[in-house]
Amino acid sequence: MLDFPLLSIMTFLPLVGGLIILAIRGEDEEIVAQNSKHMALYTSLFTLAFGLYMFTRFDPSVSDFQFVEESGWLKGLGLRYHLGIDGISMFFVLLSAFLTPVCILASWDSIQNRVKEYMIAFLALETFMIGTFCALDTILFYVFFEGLLIPMFLIIGIWGGARRVYSAYKFFLYTLLGSVLMLLAILWMAMNVGTDMTEIPMQAAIPVDIQKWLWLAFFASFAVKMPMWPVHTWLPDAHVEAPTAGSIILAGVLLKMGGYGFLRFSLPMFPEASAYFAPMVFTLSVIAIIYTSLVALVQEDMKKLIAYSSVAHMGFVTLGIFTATVHGVGGAIFQMLSHGLISGALFLCVGVVYDRLHTREISRYGGIVKNMPRYATVFMILMLGAVGLPGTSGFVGEFLVLLGAFQTNMIIAALAATGLILGATYMLMLYRRVIFGPPVNTDAITMPDLNPRELGLLVPIVLLVIWLGVFPGVIMDKISLSVESLVSNYEDRTIQGPHQPKDTLEENKENDQKMDAAQ
């Protein structure tokens, strides 16, 4: 095992970079802005380098948490600083570390005011994102989980569009309201079963009736973060008003916090309650897939269309998680990672044309394949990945989720499968209108093609989307043991039914055997 605190370095290195940027002074604002951008970029690249080192040192044959760090934090309250990763959380840490430098480079020219503060906000956001995925203490998890609201609120509220203040407050209030209930549940658990996230799933001490209330409290927070229907309405507004980089990180990482919470809390800690509420989650997931896909069909704003498509894709994620099958859970994790790459790149593509024409209205574009062939090619591959074309990463996740859903409920799986058709419809319509549609103004057909910086951002993501679609084992091999352990623990606790604790069922069985022997 490593002799240095790798996860702590990855978590707090961005914060150190932010403090260094805060200390940058100078009379020339342009020089200060350039120094701030370079410092933010170098810090995020060093964090990514540590993440790649973590990836190479990770042992997929071990089901326990790795790179574990544990020490006293608030000893008077019995709280600990406890970090670690398994196959599930490792790739979310990598995704956070990968998309942060992408966001910084995407903002290189488009952000002109308060650049220093903007870069500090993104580095602080990276610290909270990585900390959330590494935390193994419930209180520590909550601190990181809620802390990321602050920099994201500032990014939308200061550097967003015309309705940025409204969207920022809506985002903040929606997510904070659900999290208050989660905090109450965490406090109850801290007083009754402890705060160690590695030990709580091993206990069968929480009565099923209490499990249901705790499950609902956590669901209130995670459902908003996903976001699930009908608490998704903050997302389109936030995406439309956020700067391009804000949309990338929002779709790429922040939406995955809810799914990660379901995997880390709901299934392992409240398995009986998860089984009890699974039909409700299936219903909400199918509604999200179909309803938001239909809403996406009538959108005239490119960002809103992609935002609604994100809600539909997250419907597949919640569906896969609560099938509680190896295929469904593995597919949900793969889908989250794939969606993080594809949706982030799609928002980057929207930002590219927005920087040139300063509008996101689909009707203002058309015929740009002639003057932007490189852009059309990149956009096409990402669009096909979004609709789940075989050979792209989007196909693997959706296929596995539907496979897990068919094992659980064929009607739900069949309804969810209609989302694939609707998804292909609205994405192909978007592509046809923007790329091949009739030219409506000379500004659109004279826009310059992708520059080297934009190509440098988009091409690696496109290659990753294809590589993971052809070789999904890169992810599946490393998460398989953690997924199997999660599903096995869930099945052990729920195999006798969701309404009665396992201990009670075993006692009843023993009593029945004694009565039979007596007779």
Protein backbone atom coordinates (compact mmCIF):
# COMPACT_ATOMS: atom_id res chain seq x y z
CA MET A 1 0.00 0.00 0.00
CA LEU A 2 1.07 3.58 -0.57
CA ASP A 3 3.17 5.36 2.04
CA PHE A 4 1.73 8.79 1.26
CA PRO A 5 -1.86 10.10 1.52
CA LEU A 6 -2.81 9.97 -2.17
CA LEU A 7 -6.52 10.70 -1.70
CA SER A 8 -5.90 13.65 0.62
CA ILE A 9 -3.44 15.10 -1.89
CA MET A 10 -5.96 14.72 -4.72
CA THR A 11 -8.75 16.19 -2.59
CA PHE A 12 -6.97 19.25 -1.25
CA LEU A 13 -4.42 20.04 -3.96
CA PRO A 14 -7.03 22.06 -5.93
CA LEU A 15 -7.84 24.02 -2.76
CA VAL A 16 -4.14 24.80 -2.29
CA GLY A 17 -4.02 25.99 -5.90
CA GLY A 18 -7.00 28.21 -5.21
CA LEU A 19 -5.25 29.76 -2.21
CA ILE A 20 -2.18 30.46 -4.33
CA ILE A 21 -4.38 32.16 -6.95
CA LEU A 22 -5.97 34.19 -4.15
CA ALA A 23 -2.50 35.49 -3.25
CA ILE A 24 -1.74 36.64 -6.82
CA ARG A 25 -1.55 40.42 -6.92
CA GLY A 26 -0.70 43.00 -9.57
CA GLU A 27 -1.72 46.27 -11.08
CA ASP A 28 -2.24 44.82 -14.55
CA GLU A 29 -5.52 42.88 -14.43
CA GLU A 30 -4.75 41.05 -17.66
CA ILE A 31 -1.50 39.65 -16.28
CA VAL A 32 -3.25 38.63 -13.05
CA ALA A 33 -5.95 36.88 -15.09
CA GLN A 34 -3.39 35.01 -17.21
CA ASN A 35 -1.42 33.92 -14.14
CA SER A 36 -4.62 32.77 -12.46
CA LYS A 37 -5.63 30.71 -15.49
CA HIS A 38 -2.23 29.07 -15.76
CA MET A 39 -2.11 28.28 -12.05
CA ALA A 40 -5.60 26.74 -12.16
CA LEU A 41 -4.70 24.67 -15.22
CA TYR A 42 -1.43 23.37 -13.77
CA THR A 43 -3.11 22.51 -10.46
CA SER A 44 -5.91 20.57 -12.17
CA LEU A 45 -3.42 18.74 -14.41
CA PHE A 46 -1.33 17.69 -11.41
CA THR A 47 -4.52 16.43 -9.75
CA LEU A 48 -5.34 14.45 -12.90
CA ALA A 49 -1.81 13.00 -12.91
CA PHE A 50 -2.32 11.75 -9.34
CA GLY A 51 -5.66 10.31 -10.46
CA LEU A 52 -4.04 8.36 -13.29
CA TYR A 53 -1.42 7.08 -10.84
CA MET A 54 -4.27 5.97 -8.56
CA PHE A 55 -5.86 4.16 -11.52
CA THR A 56 -2.66 2.23 -12.28
CA ARG A 57 -2.16 1.22 -8.62
CA PHE A 58 -5.77 0.15 -8.03
CA ASP A 59 -6.14 -3.61 -7.49
CA PRO A 60 -9.42 -4.88 -9.03
CA SER A 61 -9.06 -8.26 -7.28
CA VAL A 62 -9.65 -6.66 -3.86
CA SER A 63 -13.24 -5.97 -2.84
CA ASP A 64 -12.34 -3.82 0.19
CA PHE A 65 -11.68 -0.09 0.06
CA GLN A 66 -8.17 0.87 -1.03
CA PHE A 67 -5.83 3.83 -0.36
CA VAL A 68 -7.63 4.16 2.98
CA GLU A 69 -6.73 7.10 5.23
CA GLU A 70 -8.15 7.37 8.72
CA SER A 71 -7.43 9.73 11.58
CA GLY A 72 -9.19 11.73 14.27
CA TRP A 73 -11.12 14.78 13.13
CA LEU A 74 -13.51 16.11 15.77
CA LYS A 75 -12.61 13.75 18.58
CA GLY A 76 -14.99 15.34 21.07
CA LEU A 77 -17.90 14.39 18.81
CA GLY A 78 -16.42 11.04 17.82
CA LEU A 79 -16.04 12.06 14.16
CA ARG A 80 -13.23 10.76 11.99
CA TYR A 81 -11.44 11.85 8.85
CA HIS A 82 -11.87 8.70 6.77
CA LEU A 83 -11.12 8.43 3.05
CA GLY A 84 -10.95 5.47 0.68
CA ILE A 85 -12.09 4.27 -2.73
CA ASP A 86 -13.39 1.07 -4.27
CA GLY A 87 -14.15 0.12 -7.86
CA ILE A 88 -17.34 2.19 -7.82
CA SER A 89 -15.93 5.48 -6.54
CA MET A 90 -12.56 5.37 -8.32
CA PHE A 91 -13.93 6.22 -11.75
CA PHE A 92 -16.02 9.11 -10.41
CA VAL A 93 -12.86 10.56 -8.85
CA LEU A 94 -11.12 10.18 -12.22
CA LEU A 95 -14.06 11.78 -14.04
CA SER A 96 -13.93 14.80 -11.70
CA ALA A 97 -10.17 15.16 -12.17
CA PHE A 98 -10.47 14.81 -15.96
CA LEU A 99 -13.31 17.28 -16.54
CA THR A 100 -11.90 20.08 -14.36
CA PRO A 101 -8.97 20.97 -16.70
CA VAL A 102 -11.41 20.63 -19.61
CA CYS A 103 -13.65 23.25 -17.94
CA ILE A 104 -10.71 25.58 -17.27
CA LEU A 105 -9.53 25.38 -20.89
CA ALA A 106 -13.11 25.78 -22.15
CA SER A 107 -13.27 29.09 -20.23
CA TRP A 108 -9.86 30.31 -21.40
CA ASP A 109 -11.17 32.99 -23.76
CA SER A 110 -14.89 33.20 -22.96
CA ILE A 111 -14.56 34.41 -19.34
CA GLN A 112 -13.30 38.00 -19.28
CA ASN A 113 -14.49 39.42 -15.94
CA ARG A 114 -13.34 38.37 -12.46
CA VAL A 115 -11.17 35.59 -13.93
CA LYS A 116 -9.25 35.11 -10.70
CA GLU A 117 -12.39 34.43 -8.65
CA TYR A 118 -13.76 32.17 -11.40
CA MET A 119 -10.69 29.92 -11.32
CA ILE A 120 -10.76 29.76 -7.51
CA ALA A 121 -14.43 28.69 -7.65
CA PHE A 122 -13.65 25.83 -10.04
CA LEU A 123 -10.72 24.57 -7.98
CA ALA A 124 -12.83 24.68 -4.81
CA LEU A 125 -15.53 22.78 -6.68
CA GLU A 126 -12.99 20.10 -7.64
CA THR A 127 -11.98 19.67 -3.99
CA PHE A 128 -15.60 19.13 -2.93
CA MET A 129 -16.32 16.74 -5.83
CA ILE A 130 -13.33 14.49 -5.19
CA GLY A 131 -13.91 14.64 -1.43
CA THR A 132 -17.52 13.51 -1.89
CA PHE A 133 -16.45 10.39 -3.80
CA CYS A 134 -13.63 9.56 -1.38
CA ALA A 135 -15.39 10.15 1.97
CA LEU A 136 -16.11 7.06 4.07
CA ASP A 137 -17.63 8.88 7.03
CA THR A 138 -21.25 10.02 6.75
CA ILE A 139 -20.63 13.44 8.33
CA LEU A 140 -17.54 14.03 6.19
CA PHE A 141 -19.55 12.97 3.14
CA TYR A 142 -22.24 15.50 4.00
CA VAL A 143 -19.67 18.30 4.40
CA PHE A 144 -18.23 17.68 0.93
CA PHE A 145 -21.64 16.88 -0.64
CA GLU A 146 -23.16 20.17 0.48
CA GLY A 147 -19.99 22.22 0.17
CA LEU A 148 -20.01 21.95 -3.61
CA LEU A 149 -23.28 23.93 -3.72
CA ILE A 150 -21.40 27.12 -2.81
CA PRO A 151 -18.92 27.34 -5.74
CA MET A 152 -21.55 26.08 -8.18
CA PHE A 153 -24.01 28.70 -6.92
CA LEU A 154 -21.38 31.40 -7.52
CA ILE A 155 -20.43 30.09 -10.96
CA ILE A 156 -24.04 30.24 -12.15
CA GLY A 157 -24.97 33.43 -10.28
CA ILE A 158 -21.96 35.55 -11.27
CA TRP A 159 -20.85 34.29 -14.69
CA GLY A 160 -24.18 32.99 -16.01
CA GLY A 161 -26.68 34.40 -18.49
CA ALA A 162 -29.41 37.00 -18.22
CA ARG A 163 -31.51 35.07 -15.64
CA ARG A 164 -28.48 33.79 -13.73
CA VAL A 165 -29.57 34.99 -10.28
CA TYR A 166 -32.98 33.31 -10.52
CA SER A 167 -31.43 30.06 -11.80
CA ALA A 168 -28.71 30.08 -9.14
CA TYR A 169 -31.19 30.53 -6.30
CA LYS A 170 -33.50 27.86 -7.74
CA PHE A 171 -30.59 25.42 -8.00
CA PHE A 172 -29.44 26.20 -4.46
CA LEU A 173 -32.84 26.03 -2.78
CA TYR A 174 -33.96 22.83 -4.53
CA THR A 175 -30.81 20.94 -3.62
CA LEU A 176 -30.53 22.37 -0.11
CA LEU A 177 -34.12 21.51 0.85
CA GLY A 178 -33.66 17.81 0.22
CA SER A 179 -30.29 17.83 1.93
CA VAL A 180 -31.78 19.12 5.20
CA LEU A 181 -33.75 15.88 5.46
CA MET A 182 -30.62 13.89 4.67
CA LEU A 183 -28.77 15.69 7.48
CA LEU A 184 -31.47 14.68 9.96
CA ALA A 185 -31.14 11.06 8.83
CA ILE A 186 -27.34 11.18 9.14
CA LEU A 187 -27.63 12.58 12.67
CA TRP A 188 -30.01 9.76 13.66
CA MET A 189 -27.61 7.21 12.23
CA ALA A 190 -24.64 8.84 14.00
CA MET A 191 -26.39 8.43 17.34
CA ASN A 192 -27.62 4.88 16.74
CA VAL A 193 -25.40 3.01 14.27
CA GLY A 194 -22.33 5.21 13.90
CA THR A 195 -20.87 7.19 11.01
CA ASP A 196 -18.51 4.66 9.38
CA MET A 197 -19.83 3.98 5.89
CA THR A 198 -17.85 0.72 5.68
CA GLU A 199 -19.41 -0.74 8.85
CA ILE A 200 -23.06 0.36 8.64
CA PRO A 201 -23.94 -1.96 5.68
CA MET A 202 -22.67 -4.93 7.69
CA GLN A 203 -25.18 -4.27 10.48
CA ALA A 204 -28.75 -5.54 10.45
CA ALA A 205 -29.76 -3.51 13.46
CA ILE A 206 -31.93 -0.86 11.78
CA PRO A 207 -35.61 -1.91 11.93
CA VAL A 208 -37.37 -1.93 8.57
CA ASP A 209 -39.91 0.74 9.56
CA ILE A 210 -37.09 3.13 10.49
CA GLN A 211 -35.20 2.14 7.35
CA LYS A 212 -38.10 3.40 5.27
CA TRP A 213 -38.01 6.84 6.87
CA LEU A 214 -34.23 7.05 6.54
CA TRP A 215 -34.44 5.90 2.92
CA LEU A 216 -37.00 8.62 2.13
CA ALA A 217 -34.82 11.28 3.78
CA PHE A 218 -31.81 10.32 1.67
CA PHE A 219 -34.02 9.93 -1.40
CA ALA A 220 -35.20 13.53 -1.02
CA SER A 221 -31.63 14.73 -1.45
CA PHE A 222 -30.36 12.27 -4.05
CA ALA A 223 -33.47 12.49 -6.25
CA VAL A 224 -33.02 16.26 -6.59
CA LYS A 225 -29.32 15.87 -7.37
CA MET A 226 -29.93 13.25 -10.10
CA PRO A 227 -32.39 14.93 -10.95
CA MET A 228 -35.42 12.64 -11.02
CA TRP A 229 -38.87 13.57 -12.25
CA PRO A 230 -40.71 15.61 -10.90
CA VAL A 231 -37.93 17.46 -8.99
CA HIS A 232 -35.92 18.08 -12.17
CA THR A 233 -37.19 21.54 -13.06
CA TRP A 234 -34.12 23.34 -11.67
CA LEU A 235 -31.81 21.61 -14.17
CA PRO A 236 -32.90 23.16 -17.51
CA ASP A 237 -32.77 26.66 -15.99
CA ALA A 238 -29.37 26.03 -14.42
CA HIS A 239 -27.95 24.66 -17.67
CA VAL A 240 -29.30 27.45 -19.84
CA GLU A 241 -27.97 30.22 -17.60
CA ALA A 242 -24.68 28.62 -16.54
CA PRO A 243 -21.50 29.41 -18.49
CA THR A 244 -20.30 26.62 -20.79
CA ALA A 245 -17.85 25.21 -18.24
CA GLY A 246 -20.54 25.31 -15.56
CA SER A 247 -22.83 23.21 -17.76
CA ILE A 248 -20.00 20.76 -18.47
CA ILE A 249 -19.24 20.11 -14.79
CA LEU A 250 -22.92 20.19 -13.82
CA ALA A 251 -23.86 17.50 -16.36
CA GLY A 252 -20.57 15.64 -16.17
CA VAL A 253 -20.13 15.23 -12.41
CA LEU A 254 -22.74 16.93 -10.21
CA LEU A 255 -25.67 14.94 -11.62
CA LYS A 256 -23.79 11.76 -10.73
CA MET A 257 -23.76 12.66 -7.02
CA GLY A 258 -27.33 11.40 -6.63
CA GLY A 259 -26.63 8.08 -8.32
CA TYR A 260 -23.48 7.64 -6.27
CA GLY A 261 -25.50 8.35 -3.11
CA PHE A 262 -28.00 5.63 -4.01
CA LEU A 263 -25.11 3.19 -4.50
CA ARG A 264 -23.30 4.17 -1.32
CA PHE A 265 -26.28 4.69 1.04
CA SER A 266 -29.67 3.46 -0.18
CA LEU A 267 -28.84 -0.05 -1.44
CA PRO A 268 -26.21 -1.15 1.12
CA MET A 269 -27.52 0.61 4.24
CA PHE A 270 -31.29 0.35 3.70
CA PRO A 271 -31.73 -2.76 1.53
CA GLU A 272 -35.18 -3.75 2.78
CA ALA A 273 -36.46 -0.20 2.29
CA SER A 274 -34.85 -0.08 -1.16
CA ALA A 275 -36.69 -3.26 -2.14
CA TYR A 276 -39.93 -1.83 -0.75
CA PHE A 277 -39.66 1.46 -2.67
CA ALA A 278 -38.16 -0.02 -5.87
CA PRO A 279 -41.53 -0.08 -7.74
CA MET A 280 -41.94 3.64 -7.02
CA VAL A 281 -38.44 4.34 -8.36
CA PHE A 282 -39.16 2.27 -11.47
CA THR A 283 -42.31 4.27 -12.12
CA LEU A 284 -40.56 7.63 -11.67
CA SER A 285 -37.67 6.47 -13.86
CA VAL A 286 -39.93 5.42 -16.74
CA ILE A 287 -41.87 8.69 -16.52
CA ALA A 288 -38.59 10.61 -16.60
CA ILE A 289 -37.34 8.67 -19.63
CA ILE A 290 -40.51 9.11 -21.68
CA TYR A 291 -41.81 12.50 -20.51
CA THR A 292 -38.53 14.43 -20.64
CA SER A 293 -37.71 12.88 -24.01
CA LEU A 294 -41.02 14.21 -25.37
CA VAL A 295 -40.26 17.62 -23.85
CA ALA A 296 -36.82 17.58 -25.48
CA LEU A 297 -38.47 17.05 -28.88
CA VAL A 298 -40.08 20.50 -28.82
CA GLN A 299 -37.14 22.52 -27.49
CA GLU A 300 -35.73 25.39 -29.54
CA ASP A 301 -32.76 26.03 -27.27
CA MET A 302 -29.84 23.63 -27.74
CA LYS A 303 -28.83 23.70 -24.08
CA LYS A 304 -32.36 23.00 -22.91
CA LEU A 305 -32.66 20.06 -25.28
CA ILE A 306 -29.44 18.49 -23.97
CA ALA A 307 -30.51 19.27 -20.37
CA TYR A 308 -33.78 17.40 -20.79
CA SER A 309 -31.93 14.53 -22.45
CA SER A 310 -29.77 14.36 -19.30
CA VAL A 311 -32.87 13.85 -17.17
CA ALA A 312 -33.92 10.99 -19.46
CA HIS A 313 -30.47 9.38 -19.27
CA MET A 314 -30.47 9.66 -15.48
CA GLY A 315 -33.79 7.82 -15.57
CA PHE A 316 -31.90 4.84 -16.99
CA VAL A 317 -29.40 5.17 -14.14
CA THR A 318 -31.99 5.05 -11.34
CA LEU A 319 -33.76 2.21 -13.13
CA GLY A 320 -30.53 0.19 -13.30
CA ILE A 321 -29.51 0.86 -9.70
CA PHE A 322 -32.78 -0.30 -8.17
CA THR A 323 -33.00 -3.46 -10.25
CA ALA A 324 -30.30 -4.53 -7.75
CA THR A 325 -28.82 -6.92 -10.31
CA VAL A 326 -25.17 -7.15 -11.32
CA HIS A 327 -26.04 -6.14 -14.89
CA GLY A 328 -28.33 -3.29 -13.84
CA VAL A 329 -26.01 -1.74 -11.24
CA GLY A 330 -22.92 -2.18 -13.42
CA GLY A 331 -24.77 -0.68 -16.37
CA ALA A 332 -25.94 2.27 -14.26
CA ILE A 333 -22.36 3.04 -13.20
CA PHE A 334 -21.12 2.74 -16.79
CA GLN A 335 -24.00 4.91 -17.98
CA MET A 336 -23.13 7.64 -15.48
CA LEU A 337 -19.48 7.68 -16.56
CA SER A 338 -20.38 7.60 -20.25
CA HIS A 339 -22.99 10.33 -19.85
CA GLY A 340 -20.47 12.45 -17.97
CA LEU A 341 -18.15 12.39 -20.96
CA ILE A 342 -20.77 12.67 -23.72
CA SER A 343 -23.03 15.32 -22.19
CA GLY A 344 -20.04 17.37 -21.07
CA ALA A 345 -18.68 17.32 -24.62
CA LEU A 346 -22.10 18.17 -26.08
CA PHE A 347 -22.36 21.24 -23.87
CA LEU A 348 -18.84 22.14 -24.99
CA CYS A 349 -20.01 21.84 -28.62
CA VAL A 350 -22.90 24.20 -27.86
CA GLY A 351 -20.44 26.61 -26.26
CA VAL A 352 -18.26 26.55 -29.39
CA VAL A 353 -21.02 27.85 -31.67
CA TYR A 354 -22.41 30.12 -28.96
CA ASP A 355 -19.08 31.91 -28.68
CA ARG A 356 -19.24 32.57 -32.43
CA LEU A 357 -22.91 33.49 -32.94
CA HIS A 358 -23.99 34.36 -29.35
CA THR A 359 -27.25 32.44 -29.57
CA ARG A 360 -28.40 28.94 -28.67
CA GLU A 361 -31.57 29.02 -30.77
CA ILE A 362 -31.60 26.00 -33.09
CA SER A 363 -33.48 27.98 -35.73
CA ARG A 364 -30.56 30.42 -36.09
CA TYR A 365 -28.24 27.71 -37.37
CA GLY A 366 -28.20 25.54 -40.46
CA GLY A 367 -25.85 24.36 -43.20
CA ILE A 368 -22.71 24.73 -41.10
CA VAL A 369 -21.33 21.41 -42.34
CA LYS A 370 -19.75 23.31 -45.24
CA ASN A 371 -17.78 25.80 -43.19
CA MET A 372 -17.29 23.65 -40.06
CA PRO A 373 -16.60 20.07 -41.23
CA ARG A 374 -14.42 19.18 -38.21
CA TYR A 375 -17.13 20.43 -35.86
CA ALA A 376 -19.78 18.43 -37.76
CA THR A 377 -17.71 15.24 -37.44
CA VAL A 378 -17.09 15.62 -33.71
CA PHE A 379 -20.72 16.58 -33.06
CA MET A 380 -21.90 13.55 -35.05
CA ILE A 381 -19.85 11.06 -33.02
CA LEU A 382 -21.00 12.57 -29.73
CA MET A 383 -24.61 12.64 -30.90
CA LEU A 384 -24.42 8.95 -31.87
CA GLY A 385 -22.90 8.18 -28.47
CA ALA A 386 -25.78 10.01 -26.79
CA VAL A 387 -28.36 7.86 -28.62
CA GLY A 388 -26.51 4.66 -27.70
CA LEU A 389 -25.10 3.56 -31.05
CA PRO A 390 -23.16 0.25 -30.73
CA GLY A 391 -19.45 0.98 -30.75
CA THR A 392 -19.84 3.97 -28.45
CA SER A 393 -19.83 4.09 -24.66
CA GLY A 394 -23.49 5.15 -24.62
CA PHE A 395 -24.57 1.74 -25.91
CA VAL A 396 -22.89 -0.34 -23.19
CA GLY A 397 -24.53 1.35 -20.22
CA GLU A 398 -28.05 1.44 -21.67
CA PHE A 399 -27.81 -2.18 -22.87
CA LEU A 400 -26.75 -3.45 -19.44
CA VAL A 401 -29.42 -1.38 -17.66
CA LEU A 402 -32.15 -2.76 -19.93
CA LEU A 403 -30.76 -6.27 -19.46
CA GLY A 404 -31.00 -5.86 -15.69
CA ALA A 405 -34.49 -4.36 -16.04
CA PHE A 406 -35.70 -7.30 -18.14
CA GLN A 407 -34.50 -9.65 -15.39
CA THR A 408 -36.60 -7.70 -12.90
CA ASN A 409 -39.72 -6.47 -14.71
CA MET A 410 -40.29 -6.90 -18.44
CA ILE A 411 -43.03 -4.26 -18.67
CA ILE A 412 -40.83 -1.60 -17.06
CA ALA A 413 -37.95 -2.60 -19.34
CA ALA A 414 -40.13 -2.40 -22.46
CA LEU A 415 -41.40 1.06 -21.49
CA ALA A 416 -37.87 2.26 -20.76
CA ALA A 417 -36.70 0.96 -24.13
CA THR A 418 -39.00 3.46 -25.86
CA GLY A 419 -36.64 6.14 -24.53
CA LEU A 420 -33.99 4.87 -26.94
CA ILE A 421 -36.25 5.61 -29.88
CA LEU A 422 -37.27 9.02 -28.57
CA GLY A 423 -33.64 9.85 -27.76
CA ALA A 424 -32.54 9.03 -31.28
CA THR A 425 -35.40 11.16 -32.62
CA TYR A 426 -34.60 14.41 -30.82
CA MET A 427 -30.82 14.11 -31.21
CA LEU A 428 -31.06 13.37 -34.95
CA MET A 429 -33.48 16.28 -35.38
CA LEU A 430 -31.05 18.58 -33.58
CA TYR A 431 -28.15 17.42 -35.73
CA ARG A 432 -30.09 17.67 -38.98
CA ARG A 433 -31.32 21.20 -38.28
CA VAL A 434 -28.00 22.59 -37.04
CA ILE A 435 -25.58 20.82 -39.37
CA PHE A 436 -27.53 20.03 -42.54
CA GLY A 437 -30.52 22.39 -42.31
CA PRO A 438 -31.05 25.20 -44.81
CA PRO A 439 -28.86 28.24 -44.07
CA VAL A 440 -30.92 30.99 -42.46
CA ASN A 441 -28.27 33.70 -42.13
CA THR A 442 -24.81 34.45 -43.43
CA ASP A 443 -23.33 34.62 -39.93
CA ALA A 444 -23.88 30.89 -39.36
CA ILE A 445 -22.37 29.75 -42.65
CA THR A 446 -19.29 31.92 -42.22
CA MET A 447 -18.33 30.76 -38.72
CA PRO A 448 -14.75 29.45 -38.46
CA ASP A 449 -14.19 25.78 -37.76
CA LEU A 450 -12.78 24.35 -34.54
CA ASN A 451 -9.51 25.97 -33.48
CA PRO A 452 -6.58 23.94 -32.02
CA ARG A 453 -7.67 24.55 -28.42
CA GLU A 454 -11.22 23.35 -29.09
CA LEU A 455 -9.94 20.33 -31.01
CA GLY A 456 -7.60 19.54 -28.15
CA LEU A 457 -10.55 19.49 -25.75
CA LEU A 458 -13.04 17.56 -27.89
CA VAL A 459 -10.89 14.95 -29.66
CA PRO A 460 -9.70 13.18 -26.45
CA ILE A 461 -13.31 12.90 -25.25
CA VAL A 462 -14.43 11.55 -28.64
CA LEU A 463 -11.63 8.97 -28.55
CA LEU A 464 -12.61 7.97 -25.00
CA VAL A 465 -16.26 7.54 -26.05
CA ILE A 466 -15.23 5.20 -28.87
CA TRP A 467 -12.56 3.38 -26.82
CA LEU A 468 -14.94 2.65 -23.94
CA GLY A 469 -17.60 1.54 -26.42
CA VAL A 470 -15.24 -0.98 -28.03
CA PHE A 471 -13.38 -1.99 -24.84
CA PRO A 472 -15.86 -1.58 -21.96
CA GLY A 473 -13.80 -3.99 -19.88
CA VAL A 474 -11.52 -1.07 -18.99
CA ILE A 475 -14.27 0.00 -16.59
CA MET A 476 -16.28 -3.18 -16.05
CA ASP A 477 -13.30 -5.28 -14.96
CA LYS A 478 -12.41 -2.82 -12.19
CA ILE A 479 -15.93 -2.28 -10.88
CA SER A 480 -17.17 -5.88 -11.13
CA LEU A 481 -16.01 -7.07 -7.71
CA SER A 482 -17.43 -4.01 -5.92
CA VAL A 483 -20.75 -4.35 -7.78
CA GLU A 484 -21.00 -8.07 -7.02
CA SER A 485 -20.28 -7.41 -3.34
CA LEU A 486 -22.95 -4.69 -3.22
CA VAL A 487 -25.59 -6.85 -4.93
CA SER A 488 -24.70 -9.90 -2.85
CA ASN A 489 -25.11 -7.98 0.41
CA TYR A 490 -28.42 -6.58 -0.84
CA GLU A 491 -29.73 -10.02 -1.77
CA ASP A 492 -28.63 -11.52 1.54
CA ARG A 493 -30.70 -8.93 3.39
CA THR A 494 -33.78 -8.93 1.14
CA ILE A 495 -34.05 -12.50 -0.17
CA GLN A 496 -36.80 -13.26 2.36
CA GLY A 497 -38.78 -10.12 1.50
CA PRO A 498 -38.62 -6.41 2.16
CA HIS A 499 -41.02 -6.15 5.08
CA GLN A 500 -39.25 -8.16 7.74
CA PRO A 501 -35.68 -8.03 9.07
CA LYS A 502 -33.50 -11.00 8.25
CA ASP A 503 -32.81 -11.76 11.90
CA THR A 504 -36.52 -12.04 12.65
CA LEU A 505 -37.08 -14.33 9.67
CA GLU A 506 -34.30 -16.66 10.81
CA GLU A 507 -35.78 -16.76 14.32
CA ASN A 508 -39.20 -17.63 12.86
CA LYS A 509 -37.65 -20.40 10.79
CA GLU A 510 -35.93 -21.85 13.87
CA ASN A 511 -39.21 -21.71 15.82
CA ASP A 512 -41.02 -23.51 13.00
CA GLN A 513 -38.36 -26.22 12.97
CA LYS A 514 -38.66 -26.67 16.77
CA MET A 515 -42.45 -26.97 16.49
CA ASP A 516 -42.12 -29.57 13.73
CA ALA A 517 -39.66 -31.56 15.83
CA ALA A 518 -41.99 -31.37 18.85
CA GLN A 519 -44.91 -32.67 16.81
